[in-house]
Amino acid sequence: MAGYVYIVTNHKRGTLYIGVTADLERRIYEHREGVTPGFTSKYGCTQLVWYEEHGSIGTAIQREKSLKRWYRQWKIELIEAMNPDWRDLYHELW
């Protein structure tokens, strides 16, 4: 089963949340709708600004754990390498 690591934010260079899922489209929809109370609901992190697909959920989980240890600036550089304008990529998933 494939896995995805993703970053959502509330605005450009705003609060960042890193997550992992097997169903990226569904999970981002849940963030956007505030389905689950928690960090992303509290800080309004609804915009998908970066994601990465992995061949297995296990590999995706390892990558997520690694990224969570990165300095904030490194995360910003990762996002801007893929998405320099910080566009919301949600509608580009399909």
C-alpha atoms as a PDB file:
ATOM      1  CA  MET A   1       0.000   0.000   0.000  1.00  0.00           C
ATOM      2  CA  ALA A   2       1.334   3.416  -0.964  1.00  0.00           C
ATOM      3  CA  GLY A   3       1.776   6.153   1.598  1.00  0.00           C
ATOM      4  CA  TYR A   4       2.010   9.906   1.491  1.00  0.00           C
ATOM      5  CA  VAL A   5       3.796  12.451   3.642  1.00  0.00           C
ATOM      6  CA  TYR A   6       2.298  15.915   3.447  1.00  0.00           C
ATOM      7  CA  ILE A   7       2.523  19.421   4.851  1.00  0.00           C
ATOM      8  CA  VAL A   8      -0.496  21.653   5.448  1.00  0.00           C
ATOM      9  CA  THR A   9      -0.429  25.279   6.588  1.00  0.00           C
ATOM     10  CA  ASN A  10      -2.759  28.129   7.454  1.00  0.00           C
ATOM     11  CA  HIS A  11      -0.997  30.661   5.181  1.00  0.00           C
ATOM     12  CA  LYS A  12       2.311  31.270   3.400  1.00  0.00           C
ATOM     13  CA  ARG A  13       5.166  30.664   5.855  1.00  0.00           C
ATOM     14  CA  GLY A  14       2.594  30.151   8.592  1.00  0.00           C
ATOM     15  CA  THR A  15       2.036  27.263  10.978  1.00  0.00           C
ATOM     16  CA  LEU A  16       3.200  23.958   9.473  1.00  0.00           C
ATOM     17  CA  TYR A  17       1.784  20.506  10.150  1.00  0.00           C
ATOM     18  CA  ILE A  18       3.420  17.345   8.820  1.00  0.00           C
ATOM     19  CA  GLY A  19       1.306  14.235   8.480  1.00  0.00           C
ATOM     20  CA  VAL A  20       1.219  10.800   6.878  1.00  0.00           C
ATOM     21  CA  THR A  21      -1.647   8.910   5.268  1.00  0.00           C
ATOM     22  CA  ALA A  22      -2.521   6.138   2.836  1.00  0.00           C
ATOM     23  CA  ASP A  23      -5.317   8.273   1.297  1.00  0.00           C
ATOM     24  CA  LEU A  24      -4.082  11.810   0.675  1.00  0.00           C
ATOM     25  CA  GLU A  25      -7.270  13.154  -0.902  1.00  0.00           C
ATOM     26  CA  ARG A  26      -9.452  11.982   2.004  1.00  0.00           C
ATOM     27  CA  ARG A  27      -7.044  13.159   4.684  1.00  0.00           C
ATOM     28  CA  ILE A  28      -6.661  16.665   3.272  1.00  0.00           C
ATOM     29  CA  TYR A  29     -10.446  16.895   2.930  1.00  0.00           C
ATOM     30  CA  GLU A  30     -10.677  16.052   6.645  1.00  0.00           C
ATOM     31  CA  HIS A  31      -8.203  18.826   7.489  1.00  0.00           C
ATOM     32  CA  ARG A  32     -10.134  21.310   5.339  1.00  0.00           C
ATOM     33  CA  GLU A  33     -13.449  20.423   6.951  1.00  0.00           C
ATOM     34  CA  GLY A  34     -12.092  20.298  10.511  1.00  0.00           C
ATOM     35  CA  VAL A  35     -13.467  16.778  10.956  1.00  0.00           C
ATOM     36  CA  THR A  36     -11.110  15.904  13.807  1.00  0.00           C
ATOM     37  CA  PRO A  37     -10.362  18.290  16.658  1.00  0.00           C
ATOM     38  CA  GLY A  38      -6.643  18.803  17.154  1.00  0.00           C
ATOM     39  CA  PHE A  39      -3.631  20.787  16.025  1.00  0.00           C
ATOM     40  CA  THR A  40      -4.741  21.487  12.452  1.00  0.00           C
ATOM     41  CA  SER A  41      -8.236  22.543  13.517  1.00  0.00           C
ATOM     42  CA  LYS A  42      -6.873  24.756  16.282  1.00  0.00           C
ATOM     43  CA  TYR A  43      -4.444  26.573  13.971  1.00  0.00           C
ATOM     44  CA  GLY A  44      -6.519  26.494  10.776  1.00  0.00           C
ATOM     45  CA  CYS A  45      -4.038  24.401   8.783  1.00  0.00           C
ATOM     46  CA  THR A  46      -6.165  23.577   5.745  1.00  0.00           C
ATOM     47  CA  GLN A  47      -3.919  24.292   2.743  1.00  0.00           C
ATOM     48  CA  LEU A  48      -1.894  21.448   1.241  1.00  0.00           C
ATOM     49  CA  VAL A  49       1.439  22.986   0.218  1.00  0.00           C
ATOM     50  CA  TRP A  50       3.689  19.920  -0.145  1.00  0.00           C
ATOM     51  CA  TYR A  51       3.406  16.155  -0.452  1.00  0.00           C
ATOM     52  CA  GLU A  52       5.514  13.172  -1.352  1.00  0.00           C
ATOM     53  CA  GLU A  53       4.392   9.682  -2.399  1.00  0.00           C
ATOM     54  CA  HIS A  54       6.131   6.565  -1.105  1.00  0.00           C
ATOM     55  CA  GLY A  55       5.882   2.936  -2.174  1.00  0.00           C
ATOM     56  CA  SER A  56       4.788   1.806   1.278  1.00  0.00           C
ATOM     57  CA  ILE A  57       3.142   3.339   4.306  1.00  0.00           C
ATOM     58  CA  GLY A  58       6.131   2.228   6.397  1.00  0.00           C
ATOM     59  CA  THR A  59       8.545   4.262   4.288  1.00  0.00           C
ATOM     60  CA  ALA A  60       6.186   7.238   4.471  1.00  0.00           C
ATOM     61  CA  ILE A  61       6.061   6.999   8.273  1.00  0.00           C
ATOM     62  CA  GLN A  62       9.871   6.942   8.448  1.00  0.00           C
ATOM     63  CA  ARG A  63      10.053  10.038   6.230  1.00  0.00           C
ATOM     64  CA  GLU A  64       7.426  11.836   8.340  1.00  0.00           C
ATOM     65  CA  LYS A  65       9.398  11.170  11.526  1.00  0.00           C
ATOM     66  CA  SER A  66      12.554  12.436   9.857  1.00  0.00           C
ATOM     67  CA  LEU A  67      10.911  15.651   8.593  1.00  0.00           C
ATOM     68  CA  LYS A  68       9.448  16.401  12.010  1.00  0.00           C
ATOM     69  CA  ARG A  69      13.018  16.628  13.346  1.00  0.00           C
ATOM     70  CA  TRP A  70      14.068  19.140  10.674  1.00  0.00           C
ATOM     71  CA  TYR A  71      14.585  22.820  11.402  1.00  0.00           C
ATOM     72  CA  ARG A  72      11.680  25.014  10.311  1.00  0.00           C
ATOM     73  CA  GLN A  73      13.802  26.722   7.633  1.00  0.00           C
ATOM     74  CA  TRP A  74      14.628  23.378   6.037  1.00  0.00           C
ATOM     75  CA  LYS A  75      10.897  22.579   5.849  1.00  0.00           C
ATOM     76  CA  ILE A  76      10.202  25.946   4.223  1.00  0.00           C
ATOM     77  CA  GLU A  77      12.952  25.295   1.660  1.00  0.00           C
ATOM     78  CA  LEU A  78      11.475  21.837   0.953  1.00  0.00           C
ATOM     79  CA  ILE A  79       8.046  23.376   0.320  1.00  0.00           C
ATOM     80  CA  GLU A  80       9.415  26.173  -1.850  1.00  0.00           C
ATOM     81  CA  ALA A  81      11.445  23.760  -3.997  1.00  0.00           C
ATOM     82  CA  MET A  82       8.164  22.074  -5.034  1.00  0.00           C
ATOM     83  CA  ASN A  83       5.723  24.941  -4.584  1.00  0.00           C
ATOM     84  CA  PRO A  84       7.443  28.375  -4.567  1.00  0.00           C
ATOM     85  CA  ASP A  85       4.122  30.271  -4.533  1.00  0.00           C
ATOM     86  CA  TRP A  86       2.668  28.207  -1.671  1.00  0.00           C
ATOM     87  CA  ARG A  87      -0.381  27.319  -3.803  1.00  0.00           C
ATOM     88  CA  ASP A  88      -2.999  25.098  -2.208  1.00  0.00           C
ATOM     89  CA  LEU A  89      -2.351  21.800  -4.049  1.00  0.00           C
ATOM     90  CA  TYR A  90      -5.563  20.110  -2.905  1.00  0.00           C
ATOM     91  CA  HIS A  91      -7.446  20.710  -6.158  1.00  0.00           C
ATOM     92  CA  GLU A  92      -4.461  19.522  -8.195  1.00  0.00           C
ATOM     93  CA  LEU A  93      -4.589  16.016  -6.699  1.00  0.00           C
ATOM     94  CA  TRP A  94      -7.060  14.768  -9.291  1.00  0.00           C
END
